[in-house]
């Protein structure tokens, strides 16, 4: 009997009356392999043993009449119990049958999915108990008949999506011994996949819309008119530098087509597939300008979006950044743009780390930047960084040879838009050529559009044009000062009267700018200033 105990597969430890270990079998020593147990006091190793085993103590009486103790050690969780717990608490439904479909085992997940208690199915034929549309039924049937694994997906009446894989287990004679069916509820996964698909569809839709908008933004109606020598020279410079990433400064009067040239350069460059981001330095309020341009970090200021927001500079990565009306850029931001041009890096508002951006910078202005530098309104270092490649847009009066092609180009555009056909008489062409066009191409477009839209006849005569040009310039007449006053006050009075009359007549800051030969941003500021004072 003692011999059987000592050779038992369970753990055995024998001590003498002083609790000194005199014997331990291999089952114990294999677990405590790093510790030699023999001759140790039992109480010194008992805490270690209790982590692994459930221990029972039996007192023995040896022939020498001295008491000794035998400790019987059994694993806290034996393999069978462990495996059953793993199967029972598995998220997946598990069902095991014999080769004929008799249920041997199923776990609690099986009960939950099928609404069947285990006593109602264990020992019974699964094909009779389960509905034939059940994925478990179909998969097990296929695995038994085809002798290979089968996977079936099905949606239940309760709206759940289940996927079942039945796998046959073979014995040494290559006969099916068991079939193990594993079923997983993938309802949530399917919902996530569905939402992901919706997001992908929306994303593709937005991408297409953005691409349409980008192409529309880069539309250049009719191409490039360059018959005059000045425009030919300008075009030649553009062709030589279009794929050089040096900064470009486009200068010229209002309405000469500076933004047109910027778009043309981008479209012809190797960056044409990238974004073309326009920043008009006059249209964004000064207190918002920095965050709109450079973005901001999370928590940068009250009301900032969680996670921050990318700025227009970041959105231009891989493409072109067009800074229109650069002369109006506030001094406090000019240093950040200098860093952007020199290092191609910037720091978002409230951010601790700088970001890099791969963009080509094109700037445009109708202001005299050299004069602004002397007046300390524009940084000299930024000025020289901007004008690495300098393009001067000639006014329309300097490119007489281009007027007729431009007329035909613009006329064709508006005829198509309004579905009308108009012809210009020779007399009207002469008026176009004789006029100075202070608003340049923008004014020419404005006049032609209005002529096509409002002229009742198919032939546009010279008097139609003279009436229109005279009408557009009426608002600048009859400005006077009726008493002596300080010169600065008189200048402001005349300026106010001139701005208000022009705005009342024309109704647009762009048209006021064209007629008064000032920038649109300056016209806008003056209009806001004087109309605000009137309201007060």
Protein backbone atom coordinates (compact mmCIF):
# COMPACT_ATOMS: atom_id res chain seq x y z
CA UNK A 1 0.00 0.00 0.00
CA UNK A 2 2.77 2.42 0.96
CA UNK A 3 4.59 1.55 -2.23
CA UNK A 4 1.49 2.46 -4.28
CA UNK A 5 1.23 5.80 -2.52
CA UNK A 6 4.87 6.63 -3.11
CA UNK A 7 4.54 5.87 -6.82
CA UNK A 8 1.26 7.76 -7.22
CA UNK A 9 0.92 10.36 -9.97
CA UNK A 10 -0.27 12.88 -7.45
CA UNK A 11 2.30 14.73 -5.32
CA UNK A 12 3.56 12.96 -2.22
CA UNK A 13 5.79 14.37 0.54
CA UNK A 14 6.83 12.41 3.64
CA UNK A 15 8.26 14.05 6.79
CA UNK A 16 9.48 12.81 10.13
CA UNK A 17 8.11 13.86 13.48
CA UNK A 18 10.16 17.08 13.29
CA UNK A 19 8.55 18.04 9.96
CA UNK A 20 11.81 17.49 8.07
CA UNK A 21 11.17 16.15 4.56
CA UNK A 22 12.49 12.63 4.18
CA UNK A 23 10.93 11.83 0.81
CA UNK A 24 9.12 13.52 -2.15
CA UNK A 25 8.07 11.87 -5.35
CA UNK A 26 8.78 13.02 -8.92
CA UNK A 27 5.40 14.78 -9.31
CA UNK A 28 6.38 17.28 -6.62
CA UNK A 29 10.03 17.60 -7.54
CA UNK A 30 9.21 18.26 -11.23
CA UNK A 31 7.21 21.31 -10.20
CA UNK A 32 9.75 22.48 -7.60
CA UNK A 33 12.71 21.61 -9.81
CA UNK A 34 14.79 24.58 -8.79
CA UNK A 35 14.52 23.72 -5.09
CA UNK A 36 15.92 20.57 -3.45
CA UNK A 37 13.11 19.59 -1.05
CA UNK A 38 14.71 16.70 0.82
CA UNK A 39 15.99 17.60 4.32
CA UNK A 40 14.15 20.93 4.29
CA UNK A 41 11.63 21.89 6.92
CA UNK A 42 8.10 21.46 5.62
CA UNK A 43 6.89 24.78 7.00
CA UNK A 44 9.59 26.65 5.01
CA UNK A 45 8.31 25.44 1.63
CA UNK A 46 4.62 25.07 2.44
CA UNK A 47 3.68 28.61 1.22
CA UNK A 48 5.29 27.85 -2.16
CA UNK A 49 3.51 24.53 -2.45
CA UNK A 50 0.14 26.05 -1.59
CA UNK A 51 0.39 28.27 -4.68
CA UNK A 52 0.34 25.17 -6.90
CA UNK A 53 -1.43 22.44 -4.90
CA UNK A 54 -4.39 21.62 -2.70
CA UNK A 55 -2.65 19.89 0.27
CA UNK A 56 -3.99 17.23 2.66
CA UNK A 57 -2.03 16.09 5.77
CA UNK A 58 -2.14 12.56 7.17
CA UNK A 59 -0.37 11.46 10.39
CA UNK A 60 1.44 8.09 10.18
CA UNK A 61 2.92 5.85 12.89
CA UNK A 62 6.12 4.12 11.96
CA UNK A 63 7.44 0.88 13.55
CA UNK A 64 9.77 2.90 15.76
CA UNK A 65 6.65 4.41 17.38
CA UNK A 66 7.63 7.88 16.27
CA UNK A 67 4.97 9.95 14.52
CA UNK A 68 5.58 10.98 10.89
CA UNK A 69 3.42 12.88 8.37
CA UNK A 70 2.46 12.27 4.76
CA UNK A 71 1.32 15.21 2.62
CA UNK A 72 -0.85 14.46 -0.40
CA UNK A 73 -0.69 17.24 -3.04
CA UNK A 74 -3.24 17.64 -5.80
CA UNK A 75 -3.18 20.37 -8.42
CA UNK A 76 -5.55 23.23 -7.73
CA UNK A 77 -6.86 22.95 -11.31
CA UNK A 78 -6.24 19.72 -13.14
CA UNK A 79 -6.15 19.64 -16.94
CA UNK A 80 -9.66 18.31 -17.37
CA UNK A 81 -11.22 20.99 -15.18
CA UNK A 82 -9.10 23.66 -16.89
CA UNK A 83 -10.17 22.61 -20.38
CA UNK A 84 -13.82 22.48 -19.37
CA UNK A 85 -13.63 26.01 -17.96
CA UNK A 86 -11.96 27.28 -21.12
CA UNK A 87 -14.70 25.74 -23.27
CA UNK A 88 -17.52 26.84 -20.96
CA UNK A 89 -16.50 30.49 -20.81
CA UNK A 90 -15.50 30.76 -24.47
CA UNK A 91 -17.20 33.63 -26.32
CA UNK A 92 -17.63 31.31 -29.30
CA UNK A 93 -20.31 28.65 -29.50
CA UNK A 94 -18.73 25.17 -29.39
CA UNK A 95 -20.49 21.94 -30.24
CA UNK A 96 -18.93 18.44 -30.51
CA UNK A 97 -20.66 15.46 -32.16
CA UNK A 98 -19.77 11.89 -33.05
CA UNK A 99 -19.58 10.77 -36.73
CA UNK A 100 -23.35 10.24 -36.84
CA UNK A 101 -24.25 13.68 -35.48
CA UNK A 102 -24.94 12.63 -31.87
CA UNK A 103 -24.14 15.57 -29.60
CA UNK A 104 -21.32 14.86 -27.14
CA UNK A 105 -20.74 18.35 -25.79
CA UNK A 106 -21.94 21.93 -26.17
CA UNK A 107 -21.10 25.01 -24.12
CA UNK A 108 -23.22 27.83 -22.65
CA UNK A 109 -22.72 30.02 -25.76
CA UNK A 110 -24.45 27.25 -27.78
CA UNK A 111 -27.43 27.38 -25.41
CA UNK A 112 -27.59 31.18 -25.73
CA UNK A 113 -27.43 31.23 -29.56
CA UNK A 114 -29.93 28.41 -30.15
CA UNK A 115 -32.20 28.77 -27.12
CA UNK A 116 -31.72 25.08 -26.30
CA UNK A 117 -30.72 23.67 -22.90
CA UNK A 118 -27.89 21.17 -22.91
CA UNK A 119 -29.94 18.31 -21.40
CA UNK A 120 -32.25 18.67 -24.41
CA UNK A 121 -29.48 18.07 -26.94
CA UNK A 122 -26.63 16.10 -25.34
CA UNK A 123 -26.85 12.47 -26.45
CA UNK A 124 -29.33 13.32 -29.19
CA UNK A 125 -28.96 13.61 -32.94
CA UNK A 126 -28.16 17.24 -33.72
CA UNK A 127 -29.79 17.02 -37.16
CA UNK A 128 -33.16 16.27 -35.55
CA UNK A 129 -32.90 18.88 -32.80
CA UNK A 130 -31.57 21.82 -34.79
CA UNK A 131 -33.42 23.57 -37.60
CA UNK A 132 -31.99 22.73 -41.02
CA UNK A 133 -31.28 26.42 -41.65
CA UNK A 134 -29.01 26.55 -38.59
CA UNK A 135 -25.38 27.19 -39.65
CA UNK A 136 -24.23 24.56 -37.08
CA UNK A 137 -26.58 21.98 -38.62
CA UNK A 138 -25.39 22.69 -42.16
CA UNK A 139 -21.68 22.90 -41.33
CA UNK A 140 -21.61 19.66 -39.29
CA UNK A 141 -23.62 17.82 -41.96
CA UNK A 142 -21.19 18.97 -44.66
CA UNK A 143 -18.10 18.11 -42.57
CA UNK A 144 -19.39 14.54 -41.95
CA UNK A 145 -20.42 13.90 -45.57
CA UNK A 146 -17.50 15.61 -47.33
CA UNK A 147 -14.92 14.68 -44.67
CA UNK A 148 -13.44 18.17 -44.67
CA UNK A 149 -13.87 21.50 -42.93
CA UNK A 150 -16.82 23.68 -43.84
CA UNK A 151 -17.59 27.36 -43.05
CA UNK A 152 -21.11 28.83 -43.28
CA UNK A 153 -22.36 32.36 -42.53
CA UNK A 154 -26.01 33.11 -41.78
CA UNK A 155 -28.20 35.83 -40.30
CA UNK A 156 -30.65 34.68 -37.61
CA UNK A 157 -34.25 35.82 -37.07
CA UNK A 158 -33.06 38.01 -34.20
CA UNK A 159 -30.76 39.89 -36.54
CA UNK A 160 -27.52 38.24 -35.44
CA UNK A 161 -24.89 37.24 -37.99
CA UNK A 162 -23.26 33.89 -37.15
CA UNK A 163 -20.32 32.21 -38.85
CA UNK A 164 -19.76 28.49 -38.19
CA UNK A 165 -16.75 26.32 -39.00
CA UNK A 166 -17.12 22.55 -38.55
CA UNK A 167 -13.92 20.48 -38.60
CA UNK A 168 -13.78 16.65 -38.61
CA UNK A 169 -11.20 14.93 -36.36
CA UNK A 170 -9.81 11.62 -37.72
CA UNK A 171 -8.43 8.57 -35.89
CA UNK A 172 -5.49 6.42 -36.98
CA UNK A 173 -7.68 4.53 -39.45
CA UNK A 174 -8.59 7.85 -41.13
CA UNK A 175 -12.15 7.55 -39.87
CA UNK A 176 -14.07 10.46 -38.40
CA UNK A 177 -13.88 10.29 -34.64
CA UNK A 178 -15.39 13.64 -33.74
CA UNK A 179 -16.73 16.79 -35.42
CA UNK A 180 -15.99 20.07 -33.67
CA UNK A 181 -18.17 23.03 -34.68
CA UNK A 182 -17.15 26.54 -33.69
CA UNK A 183 -19.69 29.37 -34.17
CA UNK A 184 -18.91 33.05 -33.68
CA UNK A 185 -21.36 35.92 -33.40
CA UNK A 186 -19.95 38.49 -35.85
CA UNK A 187 -22.92 40.86 -35.69
CA UNK A 188 -20.86 43.75 -34.28
CA UNK A 189 -18.02 43.05 -36.71
CA UNK A 190 -20.48 43.17 -39.61
CA UNK A 191 -21.88 46.47 -38.30
CA UNK A 192 -18.38 47.90 -38.10
CA UNK A 193 -17.63 46.63 -41.62
CA UNK A 194 -20.86 48.20 -42.86
CA UNK A 195 -20.03 51.53 -41.22
CA UNK A 196 -16.50 51.35 -42.58
CA UNK A 197 -17.89 50.76 -46.06
CA UNK A 198 -20.21 53.76 -45.66
CA UNK A 199 -17.27 55.88 -44.51
CA UNK A 200 -15.20 54.68 -47.48
CA UNK A 201 -18.04 55.51 -49.89
CA UNK A 202 -18.44 58.95 -48.30
CA UNK A 203 -14.68 59.43 -48.39
CA UNK A 204 -14.58 58.58 -52.11
CA UNK A 205 -17.51 60.92 -52.71
CA UNK A 206 -15.78 63.76 -50.87
CA UNK A 207 -12.54 63.04 -52.74
CA UNK A 208 -14.38 63.32 -56.05
CA UNK A 209 -16.11 66.52 -54.95
CA UNK A 210 -12.81 67.99 -53.76
CA UNK A 211 -11.19 67.04 -57.07
CA UNK A 212 -14.04 68.73 -58.98
CA UNK A 213 -13.67 71.85 -56.83
CA UNK A 214 -9.89 71.77 -57.26
CA UNK A 215 -10.22 71.56 -61.03
CA UNK A 216 -12.80 74.33 -60.98
CA UNK A 217 -10.48 76.45 -58.85
CA UNK A 218 -7.71 75.87 -61.40
CA UNK A 219 -9.90 76.51 -64.45
CA UNK A 220 -8.23 78.85 -66.87
CA UNK A 221 -10.78 79.88 -69.45
CA UNK A 222 -9.41 79.84 -72.98
CA UNK A 223 -5.76 79.51 -72.04
CA UNK A 224 -3.04 82.10 -72.16
CA UNK A 225 -3.17 85.21 -74.39
CA UNK A 226 0.38 86.35 -75.10
CA UNK A 227 0.73 88.22 -78.41
CA UNK A 228 2.35 91.40 -77.07
CA UNK A 229 6.11 91.35 -76.51
CA UNK A 230 5.73 91.96 -72.76
CA UNK A 231 3.45 88.97 -72.34
CA UNK A 232 5.68 86.79 -74.53
CA UNK A 233 8.69 87.67 -72.37
CA UNK A 234 6.68 86.95 -69.23
CA UNK A 235 5.58 83.58 -70.62
CA UNK A 236 9.17 82.71 -71.49
CA UNK A 237 10.31 83.35 -67.89
CA UNK A 238 7.45 81.19 -66.60
CA UNK A 239 8.39 78.31 -68.91
CA UNK A 240 12.00 78.41 -67.72
CA UNK A 241 11.13 78.48 -64.01
CA UNK A 242 7.84 76.55 -63.79
CA UNK A 243 9.45 73.43 -62.26
CA UNK A 244 11.93 75.28 -60.07
CA UNK A 245 10.68 75.44 -56.48
CA UNK A 246 12.02 78.96 -55.88
CA UNK A 247 9.56 81.48 -54.46
CA UNK A 248 7.77 83.65 -57.04
CA UNK A 249 6.56 87.21 -56.52
CA UNK A 250 3.94 88.43 -59.01
CA UNK A 251 3.49 92.20 -59.09
CA UNK A 252 1.13 94.38 -61.07
CA UNK A 253 -1.92 96.60 -60.95
CA UNK A 254 -5.27 95.35 -59.73
CA UNK A 255 -7.08 93.28 -62.35
CA UNK A 256 -4.04 92.39 -64.46
CA UNK A 257 -4.44 88.64 -63.85
CA UNK A 258 -1.97 87.85 -61.07
CA UNK A 259 -4.07 85.00 -59.64
CA UNK A 260 -4.54 83.69 -63.22
CA UNK A 261 -0.75 83.50 -63.62
CA UNK A 262 -0.35 81.76 -60.24
CA UNK A 263 -2.87 79.08 -61.27
CA UNK A 264 -1.23 78.77 -64.67
CA UNK A 265 2.19 78.18 -63.07
CA UNK A 266 0.76 75.52 -60.76
CA UNK A 267 -1.11 73.77 -63.58
CA UNK A 268 1.99 73.66 -65.78
CA UNK A 269 4.36 72.54 -62.97
CA UNK A 270 5.24 69.06 -61.72
CA UNK A 271 3.08 69.89 -58.68
CA UNK A 272 -0.12 70.05 -60.76
CA UNK A 273 -1.57 66.92 -59.11
CA UNK A 274 -1.13 68.47 -55.66
CA UNK A 275 -3.37 71.06 -53.97
CA UNK A 276 -3.49 74.73 -54.93
CA UNK A 277 -4.28 76.68 -51.77
CA UNK A 278 -5.10 80.39 -52.05
CA UNK A 279 -4.71 82.68 -49.05
CA UNK A 280 -6.02 86.20 -49.52
CA UNK A 281 -4.31 88.15 -46.76
CA UNK A 282 -7.12 90.74 -46.69
CA UNK A 283 -10.20 88.53 -46.42
CA UNK A 284 -9.40 86.81 -43.09
CA UNK A 285 -9.74 88.98 -39.94
CA UNK A 286 -6.32 89.75 -38.48
CA UNK A 287 -7.04 88.11 -35.08
CA UNK A 288 -7.93 84.82 -36.85
CA UNK A 289 -5.30 84.98 -39.56
CA UNK A 290 -2.50 83.13 -37.74
CA UNK A 291 -4.65 80.17 -36.64
CA UNK A 292 -6.32 79.92 -40.08
CA UNK A 293 -2.96 79.90 -41.85
CA UNK A 294 -0.83 77.82 -39.49
CA UNK A 295 -3.51 75.84 -37.64
CA UNK A 296 -3.54 75.34 -33.89
CA UNK A 297 -2.77 72.69 -31.30
CA UNK A 298 -5.35 71.15 -28.95
CA UNK A 299 -6.30 73.57 -26.17
CA UNK A 300 -4.46 76.48 -27.82
CA UNK A 301 -7.25 78.88 -26.87
CA UNK A 302 -10.84 78.93 -25.62
CA UNK A 303 -13.12 77.29 -28.17
CA UNK A 304 -10.29 75.43 -29.91
CA UNK A 305 -11.28 72.04 -31.31
CA UNK A 306 -10.13 69.00 -29.38
CA UNK A 307 -7.14 67.56 -31.20
CA UNK A 308 -6.37 70.88 -32.89
CA UNK A 309 -6.94 71.91 -36.50
CA UNK A 310 -4.67 71.96 -39.56
CA UNK A 311 -4.13 75.33 -41.22
CA UNK A 312 -4.16 76.31 -44.88
CA UNK A 313 -0.37 76.03 -44.99
CA UNK A 314 -0.52 72.35 -43.99
CA UNK A 315 -3.25 71.69 -46.57
CA UNK A 316 -0.91 72.93 -49.31
CA UNK A 317 1.58 70.10 -48.66
CA UNK A 318 2.71 68.59 -51.95
CA UNK A 319 1.29 71.48 -53.98
CA UNK A 320 1.35 75.27 -54.22
CA UNK A 321 0.61 77.95 -51.63
CA UNK A 322 -0.60 81.21 -53.22
CA UNK A 323 -0.38 84.28 -50.97
CA UNK A 324 -2.55 86.93 -52.60
CA UNK A 325 -2.25 90.56 -51.44
CA UNK A 326 0.94 89.71 -49.54
CA UNK A 327 1.52 93.44 -48.91
CA UNK A 328 -1.39 93.38 -46.46
CA UNK A 329 0.17 90.66 -44.28
CA UNK A 330 0.46 91.93 -40.67
CA UNK A 331 4.00 92.51 -39.41
CA UNK A 332 3.59 90.04 -36.53
CA UNK A 333 3.02 87.20 -39.03
CA UNK A 334 5.75 88.14 -41.47
CA UNK A 335 8.44 86.47 -39.34
CA UNK A 336 6.48 83.17 -39.40
CA UNK A 337 6.22 83.34 -43.18
CA UNK A 338 9.95 84.06 -43.36
CA UNK A 339 10.58 80.84 -41.38
CA UNK A 340 8.16 78.98 -43.67
CA UNK A 341 9.98 80.16 -46.81
CA UNK A 342 13.49 79.57 -45.44
CA UNK A 343 13.02 76.32 -43.53
CA UNK A 344 9.75 74.99 -44.98
CA UNK A 345 8.67 74.65 -41.34
CA UNK A 346 6.26 76.40 -39.00
CA UNK A 347 4.74 76.04 -35.53
CA UNK A 348 0.94 75.85 -35.09
CA UNK A 349 -0.64 78.28 -32.64
CA UNK A 350 -0.18 76.89 -29.13
CA UNK A 351 2.06 74.08 -30.42
CA UNK A 352 5.41 73.00 -28.97
CA UNK A 353 6.82 71.24 -32.02
CA UNK A 354 7.39 72.63 -35.49
CA UNK A 355 5.94 70.95 -38.58
CA UNK A 356 7.46 70.67 -42.02
CA UNK A 357 5.61 71.19 -45.29
CA UNK A 358 6.58 70.56 -48.91
CA UNK A 359 5.02 73.44 -50.80
CA UNK A 360 5.95 75.98 -53.44
CA UNK A 361 5.16 79.55 -52.46
CA UNK A 362 3.81 82.10 -54.93
CA UNK A 363 2.97 85.59 -53.66
CA UNK A 364 1.16 88.44 -55.42
CA UNK A 365 0.64 92.12 -54.70
CA UNK A 366 -0.41 95.37 -56.34
CA UNK A 367 1.37 97.33 -53.61
CA UNK A 368 4.87 98.79 -53.86
CA UNK A 369 6.67 96.44 -51.48
CA UNK A 370 9.91 98.38 -51.80
CA UNK A 371 8.13 101.48 -50.51
CA UNK A 372 6.52 99.48 -47.70
CA UNK A 373 9.99 98.20 -46.71
CA UNK A 374 11.27 101.79 -46.48
CA UNK A 375 8.25 102.72 -44.38
CA UNK A 376 9.04 99.71 -42.13
CA UNK A 377 5.63 98.20 -42.87
CA UNK A 378 7.15 95.16 -44.54
CA UNK A 379 10.20 93.13 -43.55
CA UNK A 380 13.17 93.60 -45.85
CA UNK A 381 14.36 89.97 -45.40
CA UNK A 382 10.91 88.64 -46.30
CA UNK A 383 10.73 90.95 -49.32
CA UNK A 384 14.00 89.55 -50.73
CA UNK A 385 12.97 85.97 -49.96
CA UNK A 386 9.74 86.46 -51.88
CA UNK A 387 11.23 87.98 -55.02
CA UNK A 388 13.66 85.19 -55.95
CA UNK A 389 11.72 84.97 -59.21
CA UNK A 390 9.97 88.26 -59.98
CA UNK A 391 7.14 88.52 -62.49
CA UNK A 392 5.71 91.91 -63.45
CA UNK A 393 2.22 91.73 -64.92
CA UNK A 394 1.83 94.50 -67.55
CA UNK A 395 -1.32 96.60 -67.45
CA UNK A 396 -3.83 96.21 -70.27
CA UNK A 397 -2.88 99.60 -71.72
CA UNK A 398 0.70 98.27 -72.10
CA UNK A 399 -0.40 95.27 -74.15
CA UNK A 400 -2.54 96.72 -76.92
CA UNK A 401 -1.93 93.74 -79.22
CA UNK A 402 -3.64 91.45 -76.68
CA UNK A 403 -6.88 93.47 -76.39
CA UNK A 404 -8.68 92.03 -79.44
CA UNK A 405 -7.84 88.36 -78.65
CA UNK A 406 -8.91 88.98 -75.05
CA UNK A 407 -12.21 90.53 -76.22
CA UNK A 408 -12.96 87.49 -78.38
CA UNK A 409 -11.97 85.11 -75.57
CA UNK A 410 -14.12 86.85 -72.94
CA UNK A 411 -17.04 87.29 -75.35
CA UNK A 412 -17.02 83.58 -76.15
CA UNK A 413 -17.07 82.70 -72.43
CA UNK A 414 -20.12 84.86 -71.62
CA UNK A 415 -21.98 83.93 -74.82
CA UNK A 416 -21.69 80.32 -73.73
CA UNK A 417 -22.77 81.14 -70.18
CA UNK A 418 -25.83 83.19 -71.16
CA UNK A 419 -26.61 81.27 -74.38
CA UNK A 420 -26.56 84.52 -76.38
CA UNK A 421 -24.77 85.60 -79.54
CA UNK A 422 -23.34 89.11 -79.92
CA UNK A 423 -21.02 90.80 -82.41
CA UNK A 424 -18.84 93.88 -81.90
CA UNK A 425 -18.82 96.54 -84.63
CA UNK A 426 -15.50 97.99 -85.76
CA UNK A 427 -16.41 101.24 -84.00
CA UNK A 428 -16.89 99.40 -80.70
CA UNK A 429 -13.53 97.62 -81.17
CA UNK A 430 -11.89 101.04 -81.62
CA UNK A 431 -13.46 102.27 -78.36
CA UNK A 432 -12.07 99.22 -76.57
CA UNK A 433 -8.60 99.97 -77.96
CA UNK A 434 -8.71 103.69 -77.17
CA UNK A 435 -9.85 103.29 -73.55
CA UNK A 436 -7.17 103.20 -70.82
CA UNK A 437 -8.76 100.35 -68.83
CA UNK A 438 -7.73 101.42 -65.33
CA UNK A 439 -9.26 98.18 -63.98
CA UNK A 440 -7.35 96.14 -66.57
CA UNK A 441 -8.64 92.66 -67.58
CA UNK A 442 -11.09 92.53 -64.66
CA UNK A 443 -12.73 95.74 -65.88
CA UNK A 444 -12.70 94.48 -69.48
CA UNK A 445 -14.51 91.29 -68.37
CA UNK A 446 -17.03 93.31 -66.37
CA UNK A 447 -17.84 95.57 -69.33
CA UNK A 448 -18.13 92.72 -71.87
CA UNK A 449 -20.33 90.63 -69.56
CA UNK A 450 -22.68 93.57 -69.01
CA UNK A 451 -22.78 94.39 -72.76
CA UNK A 452 -23.71 90.81 -73.67
CA UNK A 453 -26.32 90.63 -70.93
CA UNK A 454 -28.11 93.99 -71.41
CA UNK A 455 -27.60 95.05 -75.04
CA UNK A 456 -30.92 94.46 -76.85
CA UNK A 457 -29.33 94.14 -80.30
CA UNK A 458 -27.07 91.42 -81.64
CA UNK A 459 -24.58 94.04 -82.79
CA UNK A 460 -22.79 95.97 -80.03
CA UNK A 461 -22.00 99.49 -81.21
CA UNK A 462 -19.53 102.06 -79.90
CA UNK A 463 -22.24 104.13 -78.16
CA UNK A 464 -23.22 101.08 -76.07
CA UNK A 465 -19.69 100.91 -74.74
CA UNK A 466 -19.30 104.67 -74.20
CA UNK A 467 -22.57 104.81 -72.25
CA UNK A 468 -21.46 101.94 -70.07
CA UNK A 469 -17.96 103.29 -69.41
CA UNK A 470 -19.39 106.78 -68.70
CA UNK A 471 -21.95 105.23 -66.31
CA UNK A 472 -19.25 103.38 -64.45
CA UNK A 473 -17.26 106.59 -64.01
CA UNK A 474 -20.15 108.94 -63.06
CA UNK A 475 -19.70 108.28 -59.39
CA UNK A 476 -16.30 110.03 -59.28
CA UNK A 477 -17.68 113.38 -60.52
CA UNK A 478 -18.73 116.43 -58.49
CA UNK A 479 -16.47 115.85 -55.49
CA UNK A 480 -15.66 119.22 -53.82
CA UNK A 481 -14.55 120.92 -50.59
CA UNK A 482 -16.71 123.97 -49.78
CA UNK A 483 -14.68 125.61 -46.99
CA UNK A 484 -11.15 126.04 -45.69
CA UNK A 485 -9.96 123.36 -43.26
CA UNK A 486 -6.78 121.48 -42.31
CA UNK A 487 -5.37 119.62 -45.29
CA UNK A 488 -5.49 116.17 -43.64
CA UNK A 489 -9.14 116.70 -42.72
CA UNK A 490 -9.94 117.87 -46.27
CA UNK A 491 -8.25 114.81 -47.73
CA UNK A 492 -10.24 112.53 -45.45
CA UNK A 493 -13.47 114.39 -46.32
CA UNK A 494 -12.86 114.00 -50.05
CA UNK A 495 -11.84 110.38 -49.58
CA UNK A 496 -14.99 109.64 -47.60
CA UNK A 497 -17.28 111.34 -50.13
CA UNK A 498 -15.52 109.62 -53.02
CA UNK A 499 -15.69 106.15 -51.41
CA UNK A 500 -19.35 106.48 -50.39
CA UNK A 501 -20.46 107.80 -53.79
CA UNK A 502 -18.58 105.08 -55.63
CA UNK A 503 -19.91 102.36 -53.34
CA UNK A 504 -23.49 103.63 -53.52
CA UNK A 505 -23.32 103.65 -57.32
CA UNK A 506 -21.37 100.44 -57.89
CA UNK A 507 -22.35 98.36 -54.86
CA UNK A 508 -19.14 96.30 -54.80
CA UNK A 509 -15.70 96.82 -53.25
CA UNK A 510 -14.15 95.19 -56.34
CA UNK A 511 -15.81 97.69 -58.69
CA UNK A 512 -14.91 100.59 -56.41
CA UNK A 513 -11.30 99.41 -56.45
CA UNK A 514 -11.32 99.18 -60.24
CA UNK A 515 -12.70 102.68 -60.76
CA UNK A 516 -10.58 104.37 -58.06
CA UNK A 517 -7.45 102.41 -59.04
CA UNK A 518 -6.78 101.05 -55.57
CA UNK A 519 -6.54 97.51 -54.23
CA UNK A 520 -9.72 95.69 -53.39
CA UNK A 521 -8.54 95.20 -49.80
CA UNK A 522 -8.01 98.95 -49.37
CA UNK A 523 -11.39 99.70 -50.90
CA UNK A 524 -13.03 97.16 -48.58
CA UNK A 525 -11.42 98.68 -45.46
CA UNK A 526 -12.44 102.21 -46.44
CA UNK A 527 -16.02 101.15 -47.20
CA UNK A 528 -16.30 99.45 -43.80
CA UNK A 529 -14.81 102.48 -42.08
CA UNK A 530 -17.10 105.11 -43.60
CA UNK A 531 -20.33 103.09 -43.69
CA UNK A 532 -19.73 102.15 -40.03
CA UNK A 533 -19.41 105.84 -39.12
CA UNK A 534 -22.65 106.60 -40.94
CA UNK A 535 -24.52 103.96 -38.89
CA UNK A 536 -23.26 105.52 -35.70
